[in-house]
Structures are given as C-alpha cells and as structure tokens.
C-alpha cells in the first residue's frame, strides 16, 4: 500500500465488540469509501442519517483503532481539507495516503486566504 499498490482490506474481519454502536456504524461506513475517493465528516453523518453529527464523526475518526483497515484518511473536514483534524500527527500521513491513492485534498488556508477576502479595499487617492 505504501508503494501505491492497491490493497483490499474489506475482507478483514474486525473485532468491534468493545466499540460503541455509533462508532461502529461510522467505521463500517468508512470501510465502504472506495480508494481514491473522499467524504467529509458531514457527508458521513448524513449517510448514516444523523444530521448535525459531523463533529461526532470527526471525534470517532480521531479515535480510530483500525488505522488503514478503516481508512479514516478518506474522511476530511468540510472544504476537503486534510490537514487540521487528524489525530497522532496524522495530517502528513493522511495527505500521503491520499496522494498514494491518487486523491489530492485541499491544503489548509493560509493567513492571506483568510484575511484578504474580508479586508476592506484600500481607498485609491
């Protein structure tokens, strides 16, 4: 996988006996996201028919005990950013795994991206 080869982990059975039901649903759905595709936390919540649960989905992804097998790197925050809400220094590894799968997430906004659209235009005298 780390060399860019496709590896299918869908047949691997996971022991989710001690995983809370909501988390189990999130992990099971995340395993269905195809290689090379991403979803946002909100899209996962809506797919599970739990509106307004994007933050809860993000918390579940941050606690994912089945890294790689449950591809939490395919679940991104709104705007398809891969560099903010990633546990264990995962923003770099998340971007790396997505690039190996042929997906290019949006890089985080810089200070200029945030301030320039809001700043009032300067008067031209």
C-alpha atoms as a PDB file:
ATOM      1  CA  UNK A   1       0.000   0.000   0.000  1.00  0.00           C
ATOM      2  CA  UNK A   2       2.749   2.466   0.870  1.00  0.00           C
ATOM      3  CA  UNK A   3       4.244   1.872  -2.557  1.00  0.00           C
ATOM      4  CA  UNK A   4       0.993   2.874  -4.239  1.00  0.00           C
ATOM      5  CA  UNK A   5      -0.301  -0.637  -4.846  1.00  0.00           C
ATOM      6  CA  UNK A   6      -3.986  -1.308  -4.324  1.00  0.00           C
ATOM      7  CA  UNK A   7      -4.618  -3.417  -1.242  1.00  0.00           C
ATOM      8  CA  UNK A   8      -8.137  -4.551  -0.390  1.00  0.00           C
ATOM      9  CA  UNK A   9      -8.844  -4.765   3.343  1.00  0.00           C
ATOM     10  CA  UNK A  10     -12.614  -5.239   3.084  1.00  0.00           C
ATOM     11  CA  UNK A  11     -12.432  -8.974   3.798  1.00  0.00           C
ATOM     12  CA  UNK A  12     -10.603  -8.470   7.087  1.00  0.00           C
ATOM     13  CA  UNK A  13     -12.954  -9.101   9.991  1.00  0.00           C
ATOM     14  CA  UNK A  14     -12.669  -6.616  12.834  1.00  0.00           C
ATOM     15  CA  UNK A  15     -13.452  -7.307  16.471  1.00  0.00           C
ATOM     16  CA  UNK A  16     -15.716  -4.361  17.281  1.00  0.00           C
ATOM     17  CA  UNK A  17     -17.238  -5.927  20.377  1.00  0.00           C
ATOM     18  CA  UNK A  18     -15.998  -3.108  22.634  1.00  0.00           C
ATOM     19  CA  UNK A  19     -16.701  -0.317  20.128  1.00  0.00           C
ATOM     20  CA  UNK A  20     -19.780   1.867  20.859  1.00  0.00           C
ATOM     21  CA  UNK A  21     -22.641   1.436  18.339  1.00  0.00           C
ATOM     22  CA  UNK A  22     -22.296   4.913  16.797  1.00  0.00           C
ATOM     23  CA  UNK A  23     -18.552   4.452  16.304  1.00  0.00           C
ATOM     24  CA  UNK A  24     -19.126   1.006  14.826  1.00  0.00           C
ATOM     25  CA  UNK A  25     -21.539   2.477  12.255  1.00  0.00           C
ATOM     26  CA  UNK A  26     -19.035   5.201  11.338  1.00  0.00           C
ATOM     27  CA  UNK A  27     -16.201   2.670  10.920  1.00  0.00           C
ATOM     28  CA  UNK A  28     -18.366   0.315   8.868  1.00  0.00           C
ATOM     29  CA  UNK A  29     -19.434   3.140   6.546  1.00  0.00           C
ATOM     30  CA  UNK A  30     -15.862   4.417   6.223  1.00  0.00           C
ATOM     31  CA  UNK A  31     -14.748   0.992   5.029  1.00  0.00           C
ATOM     32  CA  UNK A  32     -17.115   1.360   2.048  1.00  0.00           C
ATOM     33  CA  UNK A  33     -15.471   4.550   0.758  1.00  0.00           C
ATOM     34  CA  UNK A  34     -13.641   3.496  -2.408  1.00  0.00           C
ATOM     35  CA  UNK A  35      -9.922   4.036  -2.861  1.00  0.00           C
ATOM     36  CA  UNK A  36      -9.280   7.402  -4.482  1.00  0.00           C
ATOM     37  CA  UNK A  37     -12.464   8.955  -3.100  1.00  0.00           C
ATOM     38  CA  UNK A  38     -13.097  11.048  -0.013  1.00  0.00           C
ATOM     39  CA  UNK A  39     -16.055  12.097   2.088  1.00  0.00           C
ATOM     40  CA  UNK A  40     -16.453  14.895   4.598  1.00  0.00           C
ATOM     41  CA  UNK A  41     -17.403  14.335   8.212  1.00  0.00           C
ATOM     42  CA  UNK A  42     -20.796  15.844   7.398  1.00  0.00           C
ATOM     43  CA  UNK A  43     -21.294  13.537   4.403  1.00  0.00           C
ATOM     44  CA  UNK A  44     -20.592  10.524   6.604  1.00  0.00           C
ATOM     45  CA  UNK A  45     -23.071  11.772   9.219  1.00  0.00           C
ATOM     46  CA  UNK A  46     -25.751  12.365   6.571  1.00  0.00           C
ATOM     47  CA  UNK A  47     -25.118   8.945   5.001  1.00  0.00           C
ATOM     48  CA  UNK A  48     -25.779   7.451   8.425  1.00  0.00           C
ATOM     49  CA  UNK A  49     -28.928   9.606   8.635  1.00  0.00           C
ATOM     50  CA  UNK A  50     -27.641  11.517  11.663  1.00  0.00           C
ATOM     51  CA  UNK A  51     -27.814  15.184  10.719  1.00  0.00           C
ATOM     52  CA  UNK A  52     -25.638  17.612  12.624  1.00  0.00           C
ATOM     53  CA  UNK A  53     -23.211  14.921  13.775  1.00  0.00           C
ATOM     54  CA  UNK A  54     -20.158  15.994  11.769  1.00  0.00           C
ATOM     55  CA  UNK A  55     -18.196  16.818  14.920  1.00  0.00           C
ATOM     56  CA  UNK A  56     -19.091  13.443  16.440  1.00  0.00           C
ATOM     57  CA  UNK A  57     -17.910  11.684  13.271  1.00  0.00           C
ATOM     58  CA  UNK A  58     -14.635  13.633  13.471  1.00  0.00           C
ATOM     59  CA  UNK A  59     -14.175  12.528  17.079  1.00  0.00           C
ATOM     60  CA  UNK A  60     -14.771   8.888  16.122  1.00  0.00           C
ATOM     61  CA  UNK A  61     -12.266   9.151  13.258  1.00  0.00           C
ATOM     62  CA  UNK A  62      -9.682  10.650  15.646  1.00  0.00           C
ATOM     63  CA  UNK A  63     -10.023   7.554  17.846  1.00  0.00           C
ATOM     64  CA  UNK A  64      -9.910   5.000  15.017  1.00  0.00           C
ATOM     65  CA  UNK A  65      -8.155   1.901  16.422  1.00  0.00           C
ATOM     66  CA  UNK A  66      -8.061   0.238  12.994  1.00  0.00           C
ATOM     67  CA  UNK A  67      -5.811   2.604  11.040  1.00  0.00           C
ATOM     68  CA  UNK A  68      -5.529   1.739   7.340  1.00  0.00           C
ATOM     69  CA  UNK A  69      -8.104  -1.076   7.600  1.00  0.00           C
ATOM     70  CA  UNK A  70     -10.730   1.551   8.410  1.00  0.00           C
ATOM     71  CA  UNK A  71      -9.452   4.237   6.028  1.00  0.00           C
ATOM     72  CA  UNK A  72     -10.030   7.308   8.178  1.00  0.00           C
ATOM     73  CA  UNK A  73      -7.671   9.213   5.873  1.00  0.00           C
ATOM     74  CA  UNK A  74     -10.530   9.272   3.347  1.00  0.00           C
ATOM     75  CA  UNK A  75     -12.750  11.294   5.675  1.00  0.00           C
ATOM     76  CA  UNK A  76     -11.981  15.009   5.605  1.00  0.00           C
ATOM     77  CA  UNK A  77     -13.358  18.164   7.141  1.00  0.00           C
ATOM     78  CA  UNK A  78     -15.648  20.496   5.200  1.00  0.00           C
ATOM     79  CA  UNK A  79     -13.848  22.023   2.243  1.00  0.00           C
ATOM     80  CA  UNK A  80     -11.928  18.747   1.779  1.00  0.00           C
ATOM     81  CA  UNK A  81      -9.048  19.887   3.978  1.00  0.00           C
ATOM     82  CA  UNK A  82      -6.764  17.056   5.106  1.00  0.00           C
ATOM     83  CA  UNK A  83      -4.551  18.979   7.463  1.00  0.00           C
ATOM     84  CA  UNK A  84      -6.486  20.057  10.501  1.00  0.00           C
ATOM     85  CA  UNK A  85      -8.446  17.360  12.303  1.00  0.00           C
ATOM     86  CA  UNK A  86      -6.054  14.442  12.146  1.00  0.00           C
ATOM     87  CA  UNK A  87      -5.002  12.568  15.238  1.00  0.00           C
ATOM     88  CA  UNK A  88      -1.453  11.454  16.072  1.00  0.00           C
ATOM     89  CA  UNK A  89       0.246  13.899  13.697  1.00  0.00           C
ATOM     90  CA  UNK A  90      -1.891  12.377  11.009  1.00  0.00           C
ATOM     91  CA  UNK A  91      -2.205  15.330   8.676  1.00  0.00           C
ATOM     92  CA  UNK A  92       1.044  14.445   6.927  1.00  0.00           C
ATOM     93  CA  UNK A  93       0.285  10.733   6.801  1.00  0.00           C
ATOM     94  CA  UNK A  94      -3.315  11.469   5.742  1.00  0.00           C
ATOM     95  CA  UNK A  95      -2.129  13.598   2.826  1.00  0.00           C
ATOM     96  CA  UNK A  96       0.494  10.966   1.938  1.00  0.00           C
ATOM     97  CA  UNK A  97      -2.005   8.101   1.937  1.00  0.00           C
ATOM     98  CA  UNK A  98      -4.463  10.117  -0.142  1.00  0.00           C
ATOM     99  CA  UNK A  99      -1.742  11.006  -2.649  1.00  0.00           C
ATOM    100  CA  UNK A 100      -0.832   7.316  -2.961  1.00  0.00           C
ATOM    101  CA  UNK A 101      -4.484   6.670  -3.792  1.00  0.00           C
ATOM    102  CA  UNK A 102      -4.497   9.415  -6.407  1.00  0.00           C
ATOM    103  CA  UNK A 103      -6.536  11.895  -4.394  1.00  0.00           C
ATOM    104  CA  UNK A 104      -5.380  15.467  -3.843  1.00  0.00           C
ATOM    105  CA  UNK A 105      -7.078  17.064  -0.845  1.00  0.00           C
ATOM    106  CA  UNK A 106      -7.155  20.822  -0.434  1.00  0.00           C
ATOM    107  CA  UNK A 107      -4.325  22.265   1.608  1.00  0.00           C
ATOM    108  CA  UNK A 108      -5.284  24.376   4.608  1.00  0.00           C
ATOM    109  CA  UNK A 109      -5.921  28.064   4.234  1.00  0.00           C
ATOM    110  CA  UNK A 110      -3.105  30.483   4.856  1.00  0.00           C
ATOM    111  CA  UNK A 111      -3.445  33.736   6.743  1.00  0.00           C
ATOM    112  CA  UNK A 112      -3.772  35.530   3.398  1.00  0.00           C
ATOM    113  CA  UNK A 113      -6.602  33.251   2.295  1.00  0.00           C
ATOM    114  CA  UNK A 114      -8.496  34.077   5.472  1.00  0.00           C
ATOM    115  CA  UNK A 115      -7.836  37.820   5.704  1.00  0.00           C
ATOM    116  CA  UNK A 116      -7.822  39.050   2.106  1.00  0.00           C
ATOM    117  CA  UNK A 117     -11.451  38.249   1.267  1.00  0.00           C
ATOM    118  CA  UNK A 118     -12.544  40.033   4.473  1.00  0.00           C
ATOM    119  CA  UNK A 119     -10.284  43.085   4.364  1.00  0.00           C
ATOM    120  CA  UNK A 120     -11.900  46.279   3.158  1.00  0.00           C
ATOM    121  CA  UNK A 121     -10.465  47.622  -0.084  1.00  0.00           C
ATOM    122  CA  UNK A 122      -7.966  50.456   0.328  1.00  0.00           C
ATOM    123  CA  UNK A 123      -9.072  53.818  -0.975  1.00  0.00           C
ATOM    124  CA  UNK A 124      -7.151  54.997  -4.023  1.00  0.00           C
ATOM    125  CA  UNK A 125      -6.355  58.706  -3.656  1.00  0.00           C
END
